[in-house]
Protein backbone atom coordinates (compact mmCIF):
# COMPACT_ATOMS: atom_id res chain seq x y z
CA UNK A 1 11.79 10.55 -23.07
CA UNK A 2 9.41 13.55 -23.11
CA UNK A 3 6.49 11.34 -24.07
CA UNK A 4 7.18 9.10 -21.08
CA UNK A 5 6.83 11.96 -18.60
CA UNK A 6 3.61 13.15 -20.20
CA UNK A 7 2.25 9.59 -20.19
CA UNK A 8 3.06 9.20 -16.48
CA UNK A 9 1.46 12.57 -15.69
CA UNK A 10 -1.62 11.62 -17.71
CA UNK A 11 -1.91 8.31 -15.84
CA UNK A 12 -1.74 10.15 -12.50
CA UNK A 13 -4.42 12.61 -13.57
CA UNK A 14 -6.67 9.83 -14.88
CA UNK A 15 -6.18 7.89 -11.65
CA UNK A 16 -7.03 11.01 -9.67
CA UNK A 17 -10.20 11.62 -11.67
CA UNK A 18 -11.29 8.00 -11.36
CA UNK A 19 -10.70 7.93 -7.64
CA UNK A 20 -12.58 11.19 -7.13
CA UNK A 21 -15.65 10.17 -9.06
CA UNK A 22 -15.71 6.41 -8.57
CA UNK A 23 -13.93 5.41 -5.39
CA UNK A 24 -13.64 8.56 -3.21
CA UNK A 25 -10.39 7.40 -1.60
CA UNK A 26 -9.73 10.56 0.36
CA UNK A 27 -6.01 11.22 0.89
CA UNK A 28 -4.82 9.08 -2.02
CA UNK A 29 -6.68 11.37 -4.41
CA UNK A 30 -4.66 14.37 -3.31
CA UNK A 31 -1.37 12.45 -3.43
CA UNK A 32 -2.08 11.45 -7.04
CA UNK A 33 -2.91 15.02 -7.95
CA UNK A 34 0.26 16.36 -6.36
CA UNK A 35 2.40 13.72 -8.11
CA UNK A 36 0.83 14.57 -11.46
CA UNK A 37 1.46 18.28 -10.99
CA UNK A 38 5.05 17.68 -9.86
CA UNK A 39 5.82 15.46 -12.86
CA UNK A 40 4.34 18.01 -15.27
CA UNK A 41 6.34 20.83 -13.68
CA UNK A 42 9.57 18.80 -13.76
CA UNK A 43 9.03 18.05 -17.42
CA UNK A 44 8.42 21.71 -18.20
CA UNK A 45 11.58 22.75 -16.35
CA UNK A 46 13.69 20.13 -18.11
CA UNK A 47 12.37 21.12 -21.52
CA UNK A 48 12.99 24.83 -20.98
CA UNK A 49 16.54 24.13 -19.73
CA UNK A 50 17.33 22.18 -22.90
CA UNK A 51 16.05 25.00 -25.13
CA UNK A 52 18.08 27.66 -23.33
CA UNK A 53 21.43 25.87 -23.67
């Protein structure tokens, strides 16, 4: 399950990079970046909660 979250976050970051340098889509770029950061943070919180139990 951990790999899935990292894969989703990586896809968001790659999509953000592609849209910045290739397509310049404006607002969608920032939405992708925010989603990638949120998914990484959620994964980090879930992993630390499992280790502290």
